[in-house]
C-alpha atoms as a PDB file:
ATOM      1  CA  MET A   1       0.076  -0.207  -0.058  1.00  0.00           C
ATOM      2  CA  THR A   2       1.253   3.298  -0.800  1.00  0.00           C
ATOM      3  CA  GLU A   3       1.407   6.314   1.575  1.00  0.00           C
ATOM      4  CA  ASN A   4      -1.720   7.951   0.178  1.00  0.00           C
ATOM      5  CA  GLN A   5      -3.752   4.812   1.004  1.00  0.00           C
ATOM      6  CA  THR A   6      -3.012   5.081   4.703  1.00  0.00           C
ATOM      7  CA  ILE A   7      -5.888   5.397   7.011  1.00  0.00           C
ATOM      8  CA  ILE A   8      -5.325   8.215   9.711  1.00  0.00           C
ATOM      9  CA  VAL A   9      -6.429   7.179  13.363  1.00  0.00           C
ATOM     10  CA  TYR A  10      -6.696  10.009  15.606  1.00  0.00           C
ATOM     11  CA  GLY A  11      -6.857   9.024  19.269  1.00  0.00           C
ATOM     12  CA  HIS A  12      -5.300   9.075  22.746  1.00  0.00           C
ATOM     13  CA  PRO A  13      -4.101   6.332  25.210  1.00  0.00           C
ATOM     14  CA  LEU A  14      -6.862   6.769  27.627  1.00  0.00           C
ATOM     15  CA  CYS A  15      -9.541   5.989  25.245  1.00  0.00           C
ATOM     16  CA  PRO A  16     -10.739   2.268  26.038  1.00  0.00           C
ATOM     17  CA  MET A  17     -11.954   2.010  22.154  1.00  0.00           C
ATOM     18  CA  MET A  18      -8.598   2.633  20.642  1.00  0.00           C
ATOM     19  CA  GLY A  19      -7.397  -1.188  21.617  1.00  0.00           C
ATOM     20  CA  PRO A  20     -10.248  -2.878  19.728  1.00  0.00           C
ATOM     21  CA  VAL A  21     -10.190  -0.440  16.782  1.00  0.00           C
ATOM     22  CA  LEU A  22      -6.281  -0.737  16.344  1.00  0.00           C
ATOM     23  CA  GLY A  23      -6.630  -4.517  16.831  1.00  0.00           C
ATOM     24  CA  MET A  24      -9.071  -4.774  14.158  1.00  0.00           C
ATOM     25  CA  LEU A  25      -7.097  -2.683  11.749  1.00  0.00           C
ATOM     26  CA  LYS A  26      -3.828  -4.596  12.582  1.00  0.00           C
ATOM     27  CA  SER A  27      -5.610  -8.024  12.187  1.00  0.00           C
ATOM     28  CA  SER A  28      -6.992  -7.009   8.808  1.00  0.00           C
ATOM     29  CA  GLY A  29      -3.622  -5.908   7.492  1.00  0.00           C
ATOM     30  CA  VAL A  30      -4.792  -2.327   7.332  1.00  0.00           C
ATOM     31  CA  ASP A  31      -1.978   0.307   6.651  1.00  0.00           C
ATOM     32  CA  TYR A  32      -2.695   3.050   9.212  1.00  0.00           C
ATOM     33  CA  THR A  33      -0.930   5.892  11.118  1.00  0.00           C
ATOM     34  CA  TYR A  34      -1.750   6.537  14.816  1.00  0.00           C
ATOM     35  CA  VAL A  35      -1.878  10.089  15.822  1.00  0.00           C
ATOM     36  CA  ASN A  36      -2.036  11.094  19.471  1.00  0.00           C
ATOM     37  CA  ILE A  37      -4.382  14.195  19.893  1.00  0.00           C
ATOM     38  CA  HIS A  38      -2.964  14.932  23.413  1.00  0.00           C
ATOM     39  CA  GLU A  39       0.470  15.245  21.681  1.00  0.00           C
ATOM     40  CA  ASP A  40      -0.340  16.874  18.505  1.00  0.00           C
ATOM     41  CA  ASP A  41      -2.202  20.167  18.461  1.00  0.00           C
ATOM     42  CA  LEU A  42      -3.017  20.163  14.773  1.00  0.00           C
ATOM     43  CA  ALA A  43      -4.318  16.635  15.095  1.00  0.00           C
ATOM     44  CA  ARG A  44      -6.517  17.827  17.997  1.00  0.00           C
ATOM     45  CA  GLN A  45      -7.656  20.801  15.847  1.00  0.00           C
ATOM     46  CA  ARG A  46      -8.470  18.427  12.936  1.00  0.00           C
ATOM     47  CA  VAL A  47     -10.580  15.972  15.149  1.00  0.00           C
ATOM     48  CA  ARG A  48     -12.401  19.027  16.216  1.00  0.00           C
ATOM     49  CA  GLU A  49     -13.240  20.135  12.703  1.00  0.00           C
ATOM     50  CA  ILE A  50     -14.410  16.638  11.950  1.00  0.00           C
ATOM     51  CA  ASN A  51     -16.536  16.336  14.917  1.00  0.00           C
ATOM     52  CA  ASN A  52     -18.342  19.691  15.372  1.00  0.00           C
ATOM     53  CA  GLY A  53     -15.989  20.846  18.055  1.00  0.00           C
ATOM     54  CA  ASN A  54     -15.660  17.690  19.800  1.00  0.00           C
ATOM     55  CA  GLU A  55     -12.511  15.661  20.675  1.00  0.00           C
ATOM     56  CA  SER A  56     -14.369  12.426  19.868  1.00  0.00           C
ATOM     57  CA  VAL A  57     -11.746   9.425  19.353  1.00  0.00           C
ATOM     58  CA  PRO A  58     -11.240   7.068  17.782  1.00  0.00           C
ATOM     59  CA  THR A  59     -11.606   9.200  14.521  1.00  0.00           C
ATOM     60  CA  LEU A  60     -10.701   7.622  11.452  1.00  0.00           C
ATOM     61  CA  VAL A  61      -9.813   9.426   8.205  1.00  0.00           C
ATOM     62  CA  PHE A  62      -9.843   7.339   4.946  1.00  0.00           C
ATOM     63  CA  PRO A  63      -7.957   8.216   1.932  1.00  0.00           C
ATOM     64  CA  ASP A  64     -11.093   9.046   0.067  1.00  0.00           C
ATOM     65  CA  GLY A  65     -11.789  11.608   2.849  1.00  0.00           C
ATOM     66  CA  HIS A  66     -14.457   9.470   4.558  1.00  0.00           C
ATOM     67  CA  THR A  67     -14.372   9.708   8.174  1.00  0.00           C
ATOM     68  CA  LEU A  68     -15.642   7.416  11.052  1.00  0.00           C
ATOM     69  CA  THR A  69     -15.889   8.562  14.736  1.00  0.00           C
ATOM     70  CA  GLU A  70     -16.055   6.137  17.606  1.00  0.00           C
ATOM     71  CA  PRO A  71     -17.147   3.493  15.253  1.00  0.00           C
ATOM     72  CA  GLY A  72     -18.513   0.090  16.652  1.00  0.00           C
ATOM     73  CA  ALA A  73     -16.930  -3.225  15.544  1.00  0.00           C
ATOM     74  CA  GLY A  74     -19.702  -3.861  13.048  1.00  0.00           C
ATOM     75  CA  GLN A  75     -19.564  -0.296  11.362  1.00  0.00           C
ATOM     76  CA  LEU A  76     -15.739  -0.513  11.175  1.00  0.00           C
ATOM     77  CA  LYS A  77     -15.796  -3.998   9.593  1.00  0.00           C
ATOM     78  CA  ALA A  78     -18.490  -2.829   7.012  1.00  0.00           C
ATOM     79  CA  HIS A  79     -16.415   0.208   6.029  1.00  0.00           C
ATOM     80  CA  LEU A  80     -13.254  -1.770   5.877  1.00  0.00           C
ATOM     81  CA  GLU A  81     -14.845  -4.378   3.459  1.00  0.00           C
ATOM     82  CA  ARG A  82     -16.403  -1.638   1.522  1.00  0.00           C
ATOM     83  CA  VAL A  83     -12.953  -0.104   0.730  1.00  0.00           C
ATOM     84  CA  GLY A  84     -11.566  -3.613  -0.244  1.00  0.00           C
ATOM     85  CA  TYR A  85     -10.127  -5.044   2.954  1.00  0.00           C
ATOM     86  CA  ARG A  86     -10.734  -8.511   4.052  1.00  0.00           C
ATOM     87  CA  VAL A  87     -11.749  -8.588   7.797  1.00  0.00           C
ATOM     88  CA  PRO A  88     -10.882 -12.003   9.349  1.00  0.00           C
ATOM     89  CA  LEU A  89     -12.846 -13.469  12.300  1.00  0.00           C
ATOM     90  CA  LEU A  90      -9.675 -12.717  14.539  1.00  0.00           C
ATOM     91  CA  ALA A  91     -10.136  -9.075  13.641  1.00  0.00           C
ATOM     92  CA  VAL A  92     -13.826  -9.252  14.402  1.00  0.00           C
ATOM     93  CA  LEU A  93     -13.197 -10.760  17.928  1.00  0.00           C
ATOM     94  CA  SER A  94     -10.553  -8.258  18.361  1.00  0.00           C
ATOM     95  CA  GLY A  95     -12.757  -5.280  17.643  1.00  0.00           C
ATOM     96  CA  ASN A  96     -15.493  -6.782  19.966  1.00  0.00           C
ATOM     97  CA  ALA A  97     -12.947  -7.598  22.920  1.00  0.00           C
ATOM     98  CA  LEU A  98     -14.693  -5.186  25.250  1.00  0.00           C
ATOM     99  CA  ASN A  99     -18.008  -6.624  24.565  1.00  0.00           C
ATOM    100  CA  ILE A 100     -16.767 -10.131  25.060  1.00  0.00           C
ATOM    101  CA  VAL A 101     -14.991  -9.453  28.348  1.00  0.00           C
ATOM    102  CA  PHE A 102     -18.154  -7.563  29.604  1.00  0.00           C
ATOM    103  CA  GLY A 103     -20.309 -10.267  28.488  1.00  0.00           C
ATOM    104  CA  LEU A 104     -18.391 -13.131  30.213  1.00  0.00           C
ATOM    105  CA  LEU A 105     -18.138 -10.938  33.519  1.00  0.00           C
ATOM    106  CA  ILE A 106     -22.055 -10.646  33.391  1.00  0.00           C
ATOM    107  CA  LEU A 107     -22.555 -14.230  32.660  1.00  0.00           C
ATOM    108  CA  PHE A 108     -20.124 -15.173  35.486  1.00  0.00           C
ATOM    109  CA  PHE A 109     -21.945 -12.889  37.813  1.00  0.00           C
ATOM    110  CA  ILE A 110     -25.356 -14.408  36.861  1.00  0.00           C
ATOM    111  CA  LEU A 111     -24.122 -17.888  37.369  1.00  0.00           C
ATOM    112  CA  ARG A 112     -22.746 -17.032  40.860  1.00  0.00           C
ATOM    113  CA  VAL A 113     -25.853 -15.366  41.876  1.00  0.00           C
ATOM    114  CA  THR A 114     -28.000 -18.173  40.826  1.00  0.00           C
ATOM    115  CA  GLY A 115     -25.766 -20.603  42.451  1.00  0.00           C
ATOM    116  CA  VAL A 116     -24.833 -22.486  39.152  1.00  0.00           C
ATOM    117  CA  LEU A 117     -21.176 -21.941  40.084  1.00  0.00           C
END
């Protein structure tokens, strides 16, 4: 992939959605550049421009100018496939990691409360 086909991912380390989004991109073989908006004032300003004054992250900017802000795993998968990437099962699992962990914790709690465990 050439430089002009790189997806720009704006974010910051404290955002809990950065891990799942970056995980899906990596697992899908996507060429991307991560930009920390807490360390780059121009990037912070760009994110505000895209998101009506809000510093909403992750914000992804695709080579065609299309943007996604705080995308869910399904939305990101659909857009990646639309622009030609193959999104494997591992990438989908990575993109849903937080949901899977919370779901398992809730299931464990329910099983403990009901006395099954």
